Amino acid sequence: MRKILVLIGALALVGCTSAQPLAVDLTPSAERGLKLSQQSGCASCHGADFGGGTGPTWQGIIGQSVAFKGGSSGVVDRDYLVEAIKYPDKKLRVGYSVAMPYNNLTDDQISDIVDYIEALSQ
């Protein structure tokens, strides 16, 4: 029980950070993606500034090589991000013990969020 309370407290602290998203030039779709990711709870794990936390950073992630549990690896690109958001338990990243929850985002909403993640890598 104590471990659960510690985990809940840690997650609450991640969500309470005062950091703000990076100031980057955003297309209209990336702007929608930023708002959606804040409203959908993405920031509670990926950080208020999307610099990471319980979940991986979004800043500068495009083109990075990442390792998956089970021994495979891949490069973070648009296709990977769409798949990771739609099917969060398909490829689990090494180094992150909390699985991303499933969501009810539409394909258009996912595309907007990926546009925002791409903007953070420019």
N, C-alpha and C. Protein backbone atom coordinates (compact mmCIF):
# COMPACT_ATOMS: atom_id res chain seq x y z
N MET A 1 0.83 -1.19 0.00
CA MET A 1 0.00 0.00 0.00
C MET A 1 0.87 1.26 0.00
N ARG A 2 1.96 1.23 0.76
CA ARG A 2 2.85 2.39 0.83
C ARG A 2 3.43 2.70 -0.54
N LYS A 3 3.80 1.66 -1.32
CA LYS A 3 4.36 1.88 -2.65
C LYS A 3 3.35 2.55 -3.56
N ILE A 4 2.10 2.16 -3.43
CA ILE A 4 1.05 2.76 -4.26
C ILE A 4 0.90 4.23 -3.92
N LEU A 5 0.92 4.57 -2.62
CA LEU A 5 0.77 5.97 -2.21
C LEU A 5 1.95 6.80 -2.68
N VAL A 6 3.15 6.25 -2.63
CA VAL A 6 4.33 6.96 -3.11
C VAL A 6 4.21 7.22 -4.61
N LEU A 7 3.77 6.20 -5.38
CA LEU A 7 3.60 6.36 -6.82
C LEU A 7 2.55 7.42 -7.13
N ILE A 8 1.43 7.39 -6.42
CA ILE A 8 0.37 8.38 -6.64
C ILE A 8 0.91 9.78 -6.34
N GLY A 9 1.65 9.93 -5.25
CA GLY A 9 2.23 11.23 -4.90
C GLY A 9 3.20 11.71 -5.96
N ALA A 10 4.03 10.81 -6.47
CA ALA A 10 5.00 11.18 -7.51
C ALA A 10 4.29 11.62 -8.78
N LEU A 11 3.24 10.90 -9.16
CA LEU A 11 2.49 11.28 -10.36
C LEU A 11 1.81 12.63 -10.17
N ALA A 12 1.32 12.89 -8.98
CA ALA A 12 0.68 14.18 -8.71
C ALA A 12 1.68 15.32 -8.84
N LEU A 13 2.90 15.10 -8.36
CA LEU A 13 3.92 16.14 -8.47
C LEU A 13 4.29 16.42 -9.91
N VAL A 14 4.35 15.38 -10.74
CA VAL A 14 4.66 15.57 -12.15
C VAL A 14 3.61 16.45 -12.79
N GLY A 15 2.34 16.21 -12.48
CA GLY A 15 1.25 16.98 -13.06
C GLY A 15 1.15 18.40 -12.54
N CYS A 16 1.82 18.70 -11.41
CA CYS A 16 1.71 20.02 -10.79
C CYS A 16 2.87 20.94 -11.13
N THR A 17 3.73 20.53 -12.01
CA THR A 17 4.88 21.36 -12.35
C THR A 17 4.42 22.66 -12.99
N SER A 18 5.19 23.71 -12.79
CA SER A 18 4.80 25.02 -13.33
C SER A 18 5.43 25.30 -14.69
N ALA A 19 6.18 24.37 -15.22
CA ALA A 19 6.82 24.57 -16.52
C ALA A 19 5.75 24.76 -17.59
N GLN A 20 6.12 25.50 -18.60
CA GLN A 20 5.20 25.77 -19.70
C GLN A 20 5.76 25.16 -20.97
N PRO A 21 4.89 24.87 -21.94
CA PRO A 21 5.37 24.35 -23.22
C PRO A 21 6.36 25.32 -23.85
N LEU A 22 7.28 24.78 -24.62
CA LEU A 22 8.29 25.60 -25.29
C LEU A 22 7.63 26.58 -26.25
N ALA A 23 8.23 27.73 -26.39
CA ALA A 23 7.75 28.72 -27.34
C ALA A 23 8.34 28.38 -28.71
N VAL A 24 7.53 27.79 -29.55
CA VAL A 24 7.94 27.44 -30.91
C VAL A 24 6.86 27.92 -31.87
N ASP A 25 7.26 28.14 -33.13
CA ASP A 25 6.28 28.50 -34.14
C ASP A 25 5.43 27.28 -34.45
N LEU A 26 4.11 27.44 -34.33
CA LEU A 26 3.21 26.32 -34.53
C LEU A 26 2.27 26.57 -35.70
N THR A 27 2.09 25.54 -36.50
CA THR A 27 1.05 25.56 -37.51
C THR A 27 -0.29 25.46 -36.79
N PRO A 28 -1.39 25.75 -37.47
CA PRO A 28 -2.69 25.59 -36.81
C PRO A 28 -2.91 24.17 -36.28
N SER A 29 -2.48 23.16 -37.03
CA SER A 29 -2.68 21.78 -36.55
C SER A 29 -1.80 21.48 -35.34
N ALA A 30 -0.58 21.99 -35.32
CA ALA A 30 0.30 21.79 -34.16
C ALA A 30 -0.26 22.52 -32.94
N GLU A 31 -0.83 23.69 -33.15
CA GLU A 31 -1.47 24.43 -32.05
C GLU A 31 -2.63 23.63 -31.47
N ARG A 32 -3.44 23.03 -32.36
CA ARG A 32 -4.53 22.16 -31.88
C ARG A 32 -3.94 20.97 -31.12
N GLY A 33 -2.83 20.43 -31.61
CA GLY A 33 -2.17 19.31 -30.95
C GLY A 33 -1.69 19.65 -29.56
N LEU A 34 -1.13 20.85 -29.40
CA LEU A 34 -0.71 21.31 -28.07
C LEU A 34 -1.91 21.36 -27.13
N LYS A 35 -2.98 22.00 -27.57
CA LYS A 35 -4.17 22.12 -26.71
C LYS A 35 -4.76 20.75 -26.39
N LEU A 36 -4.83 19.88 -27.39
CA LEU A 36 -5.36 18.53 -27.15
C LEU A 36 -4.50 17.75 -26.17
N SER A 37 -3.19 17.86 -26.30
CA SER A 37 -2.30 17.11 -25.42
C SER A 37 -2.39 17.63 -23.99
N GLN A 38 -2.64 18.92 -23.82
CA GLN A 38 -2.83 19.46 -22.47
C GLN A 38 -4.18 19.02 -21.91
N GLN A 39 -5.23 19.04 -22.73
CA GLN A 39 -6.57 18.69 -22.28
C GLN A 39 -6.75 17.18 -22.08
N SER A 40 -6.00 16.38 -22.81
CA SER A 40 -6.15 14.92 -22.76
C SER A 40 -5.29 14.26 -21.70
N GLY A 41 -4.49 15.02 -20.98
CA GLY A 41 -3.69 14.47 -19.90
C GLY A 41 -2.29 14.04 -20.30
N CYS A 42 -1.89 14.25 -21.54
CA CYS A 42 -0.55 13.85 -21.99
C CYS A 42 0.53 14.52 -21.14
N ALA A 43 0.31 15.79 -20.80
CA ALA A 43 1.30 16.56 -20.06
C ALA A 43 1.54 15.99 -18.66
N SER A 44 0.57 15.27 -18.11
CA SER A 44 0.76 14.74 -16.75
C SER A 44 1.88 13.71 -16.69
N CYS A 45 2.18 13.05 -17.79
CA CYS A 45 3.28 12.08 -17.82
C CYS A 45 4.47 12.57 -18.64
N HIS A 46 4.20 13.29 -19.71
CA HIS A 46 5.29 13.74 -20.60
C HIS A 46 5.85 15.09 -20.17
N GLY A 47 5.31 15.68 -19.11
CA GLY A 47 5.79 16.94 -18.56
C GLY A 47 5.00 18.12 -19.09
N ALA A 48 4.80 19.11 -18.24
CA ALA A 48 4.03 20.29 -18.64
C ALA A 48 4.69 21.00 -19.81
N ASP A 49 6.03 20.90 -19.90
CA ASP A 49 6.75 21.48 -21.03
C ASP A 49 7.09 20.41 -22.07
N PHE A 50 6.56 19.20 -21.86
CA PHE A 50 6.77 18.03 -22.72
C PHE A 50 8.24 17.64 -22.80
N GLY A 51 8.96 17.96 -21.72
CA GLY A 51 10.37 17.60 -21.60
C GLY A 51 10.60 16.26 -20.93
N GLY A 52 9.54 15.54 -20.66
CA GLY A 52 9.65 14.21 -20.06
C GLY A 52 9.28 14.21 -18.60
N GLY A 53 9.14 13.04 -18.09
CA GLY A 53 8.74 12.82 -16.71
C GLY A 53 8.54 11.33 -16.55
N THR A 54 7.36 10.94 -16.16
CA THR A 54 7.02 9.52 -16.10
C THR A 54 7.08 8.91 -17.49
N GLY A 55 6.74 9.71 -18.49
CA GLY A 55 6.82 9.30 -19.89
C GLY A 55 7.97 10.03 -20.57
N PRO A 56 8.33 9.58 -21.76
CA PRO A 56 9.48 10.18 -22.46
C PRO A 56 9.22 11.62 -22.92
N THR A 57 10.32 12.35 -23.12
CA THR A 57 10.25 13.70 -23.64
C THR A 57 9.66 13.71 -25.05
N TRP A 58 9.05 14.82 -25.41
CA TRP A 58 8.64 15.04 -26.79
C TRP A 58 9.61 16.01 -27.46
N GLN A 59 10.41 16.71 -26.69
CA GLN A 59 11.32 17.72 -27.22
C GLN A 59 12.48 17.04 -27.96
N GLY A 60 12.61 17.35 -29.23
CA GLY A 60 13.72 16.84 -30.02
C GLY A 60 13.72 15.35 -30.25
N ILE A 61 12.58 14.69 -30.10
CA ILE A 61 12.53 13.23 -30.18
C ILE A 61 12.54 12.70 -31.62
N ILE A 62 12.09 13.50 -32.58
CA ILE A 62 12.03 13.04 -33.97
C ILE A 62 13.44 12.68 -34.45
N GLY A 63 13.56 11.49 -35.01
CA GLY A 63 14.83 11.03 -35.54
C GLY A 63 15.69 10.28 -34.54
N GLN A 64 15.28 10.28 -33.28
CA GLN A 64 16.05 9.58 -32.24
C GLN A 64 15.81 8.07 -32.33
N SER A 65 16.84 7.31 -32.04
CA SER A 65 16.72 5.86 -31.95
C SER A 65 16.28 5.51 -30.54
N VAL A 66 15.30 4.63 -30.43
CA VAL A 66 14.81 4.22 -29.12
C VAL A 66 14.78 2.70 -29.02
N ALA A 67 14.96 2.20 -27.81
CA ALA A 67 14.94 0.76 -27.57
C ALA A 67 13.59 0.35 -26.99
N PHE A 68 13.12 -0.80 -27.43
CA PHE A 68 11.85 -1.33 -26.96
C PHE A 68 12.10 -2.56 -26.11
N LYS A 69 11.20 -2.79 -25.17
CA LYS A 69 11.29 -3.99 -24.36
C LYS A 69 11.16 -5.19 -25.29
N GLY A 70 11.96 -6.20 -25.05
CA GLY A 70 11.98 -7.36 -25.93
C GLY A 70 13.19 -7.37 -26.84
N GLY A 71 13.94 -6.26 -26.86
CA GLY A 71 15.19 -6.23 -27.60
C GLY A 71 15.20 -5.52 -28.93
N SER A 72 14.05 -5.11 -29.45
CA SER A 72 14.06 -4.40 -30.73
C SER A 72 14.27 -2.91 -30.50
N SER A 73 14.49 -2.19 -31.58
CA SER A 73 14.65 -0.75 -31.50
C SER A 73 14.06 -0.13 -32.76
N GLY A 74 13.98 1.17 -32.77
CA GLY A 74 13.44 1.87 -33.92
C GLY A 74 13.75 3.35 -33.84
N VAL A 75 13.40 4.05 -34.89
CA VAL A 75 13.60 5.50 -34.96
C VAL A 75 12.25 6.17 -34.79
N VAL A 76 12.23 7.23 -34.00
CA VAL A 76 10.99 7.95 -33.78
C VAL A 76 10.70 8.81 -35.01
N ASP A 77 9.61 8.48 -35.67
CA ASP A 77 9.14 9.24 -36.81
C ASP A 77 7.61 9.33 -36.70
N ARG A 78 7.00 9.95 -37.67
CA ARG A 78 5.55 10.15 -37.64
C ARG A 78 4.80 8.82 -37.51
N ASP A 79 5.19 7.82 -38.30
CA ASP A 79 4.50 6.53 -38.26
C ASP A 79 4.59 5.90 -36.87
N TYR A 80 5.78 5.95 -36.27
CA TYR A 80 5.95 5.39 -34.93
C TYR A 80 5.06 6.12 -33.93
N LEU A 81 5.05 7.46 -33.98
CA LEU A 81 4.26 8.23 -33.02
C LEU A 81 2.77 7.94 -33.15
N VAL A 82 2.26 7.87 -34.37
CA VAL A 82 0.85 7.56 -34.57
C VAL A 82 0.55 6.19 -33.97
N GLU A 83 1.39 5.21 -34.26
CA GLU A 83 1.19 3.87 -33.73
C GLU A 83 1.26 3.86 -32.20
N ALA A 84 2.22 4.59 -31.64
CA ALA A 84 2.39 4.61 -30.18
C ALA A 84 1.18 5.23 -29.48
N ILE A 85 0.57 6.23 -30.11
CA ILE A 85 -0.60 6.87 -29.51
C ILE A 85 -1.83 5.99 -29.68
N LYS A 86 -2.00 5.38 -30.85
CA LYS A 86 -3.17 4.53 -31.10
C LYS A 86 -3.11 3.21 -30.34
N TYR A 87 -1.92 2.63 -30.26
CA TYR A 87 -1.73 1.31 -29.64
C TYR A 87 -0.60 1.39 -28.62
N PRO A 88 -0.84 2.03 -27.48
CA PRO A 88 0.25 2.35 -26.56
C PRO A 88 0.98 1.15 -25.96
N ASP A 89 0.40 -0.03 -26.01
CA ASP A 89 1.09 -1.19 -25.44
C ASP A 89 1.75 -2.08 -26.49
N LYS A 90 1.77 -1.63 -27.74
CA LYS A 90 2.35 -2.45 -28.81
C LYS A 90 3.87 -2.50 -28.75
N LYS A 91 4.51 -1.35 -28.56
CA LYS A 91 5.97 -1.26 -28.45
C LYS A 91 6.28 -0.47 -27.19
N LEU A 92 6.67 -1.17 -26.14
CA LEU A 92 6.96 -0.53 -24.87
C LEU A 92 8.41 -0.08 -24.83
N ARG A 93 8.63 1.17 -24.47
CA ARG A 93 9.98 1.74 -24.43
C ARG A 93 10.74 1.24 -23.22
N VAL A 94 12.01 0.95 -23.40
CA VAL A 94 12.91 0.60 -22.31
C VAL A 94 13.10 1.84 -21.45
N GLY A 95 13.10 1.65 -20.14
CA GLY A 95 13.35 2.75 -19.22
C GLY A 95 12.10 3.41 -18.68
N TYR A 96 10.93 2.98 -19.10
CA TYR A 96 9.68 3.56 -18.62
C TYR A 96 8.80 2.44 -18.10
N SER A 97 8.50 2.50 -16.80
CA SER A 97 7.76 1.41 -16.17
C SER A 97 6.25 1.61 -16.20
N VAL A 98 5.80 2.82 -16.46
CA VAL A 98 4.36 3.09 -16.51
C VAL A 98 3.91 3.07 -17.96
N ALA A 99 2.95 2.21 -18.26
CA ALA A 99 2.44 2.11 -19.63
C ALA A 99 1.49 3.27 -19.91
N MET A 100 1.59 3.79 -21.12
CA MET A 100 0.68 4.86 -21.54
C MET A 100 -0.73 4.28 -21.65
N PRO A 101 -1.72 4.99 -21.14
CA PRO A 101 -3.09 4.48 -21.22
C PRO A 101 -3.67 4.62 -22.63
N TYR A 102 -4.65 3.78 -22.91
CA TYR A 102 -5.39 3.94 -24.16
C TYR A 102 -6.20 5.22 -24.09
N ASN A 103 -6.57 5.75 -25.23
CA ASN A 103 -7.29 7.01 -25.28
C ASN A 103 -8.41 6.91 -26.31
N ASN A 104 -9.20 7.93 -26.40
CA ASN A 104 -10.31 7.97 -27.36
C ASN A 104 -10.08 9.01 -28.45
N LEU A 105 -8.83 9.28 -28.76
CA LEU A 105 -8.51 10.29 -29.76
C LEU A 105 -8.83 9.79 -31.16
N THR A 106 -9.31 10.70 -31.99
CA THR A 106 -9.57 10.37 -33.40
C THR A 106 -8.26 10.40 -34.17
N ASP A 107 -8.27 9.88 -35.39
CA ASP A 107 -7.08 9.94 -36.24
C ASP A 107 -6.65 11.38 -36.48
N ASP A 108 -7.62 12.29 -36.69
CA ASP A 108 -7.28 13.70 -36.90
C ASP A 108 -6.65 14.32 -35.66
N GLN A 109 -7.17 13.98 -34.48
CA GLN A 109 -6.59 14.49 -33.24
C GLN A 109 -5.17 13.96 -33.03
N ILE A 110 -4.97 12.68 -33.31
CA ILE A 110 -3.64 12.09 -33.19
C ILE A 110 -2.68 12.79 -34.15
N SER A 111 -3.13 13.06 -35.36
CA SER A 111 -2.30 13.75 -36.35
C SER A 111 -1.90 15.13 -35.83
N ASP A 112 -2.84 15.85 -35.22
CA ASP A 112 -2.53 17.17 -34.67
C ASP A 112 -1.49 17.07 -33.55
N ILE A 113 -1.62 16.08 -32.68
CA ILE A 113 -0.65 15.91 -31.59
C ILE A 113 0.73 15.58 -32.17
N VAL A 114 0.76 14.72 -33.17
CA VAL A 114 2.05 14.40 -33.81
C VAL A 114 2.63 15.64 -34.48
N ASP A 115 1.79 16.48 -35.07
CA ASP A 115 2.30 17.74 -35.63
C ASP A 115 2.96 18.59 -34.54
N TYR A 116 2.37 18.61 -33.36
CA TYR A 116 2.96 19.36 -32.26
C TYR A 116 4.30 18.73 -31.83
N ILE A 117 4.35 17.41 -31.71
CA ILE A 117 5.61 16.73 -31.34
C ILE A 117 6.69 17.04 -32.38
N GLU A 118 6.31 17.02 -33.65
CA GLU A 118 7.28 17.35 -34.71
C GLU A 118 7.77 18.79 -34.56
N ALA A 119 6.88 19.71 -34.20
CA ALA A 119 7.28 21.11 -34.02
C ALA A 119 8.30 21.25 -32.89
N LEU A 120 8.22 20.40 -31.89
CA LEU A 120 9.17 20.45 -30.78
C LEU A 120 10.55 19.94 -31.17
N SER A 121 10.66 19.37 -32.37
CA SER A 121 11.94 18.86 -32.84
C SER A 121 12.59 19.77 -33.89
N GLN A 122 11.95 20.89 -34.18
CA GLN A 122 12.49 21.80 -35.21
C GLN A 122 13.48 22.77 -34.60
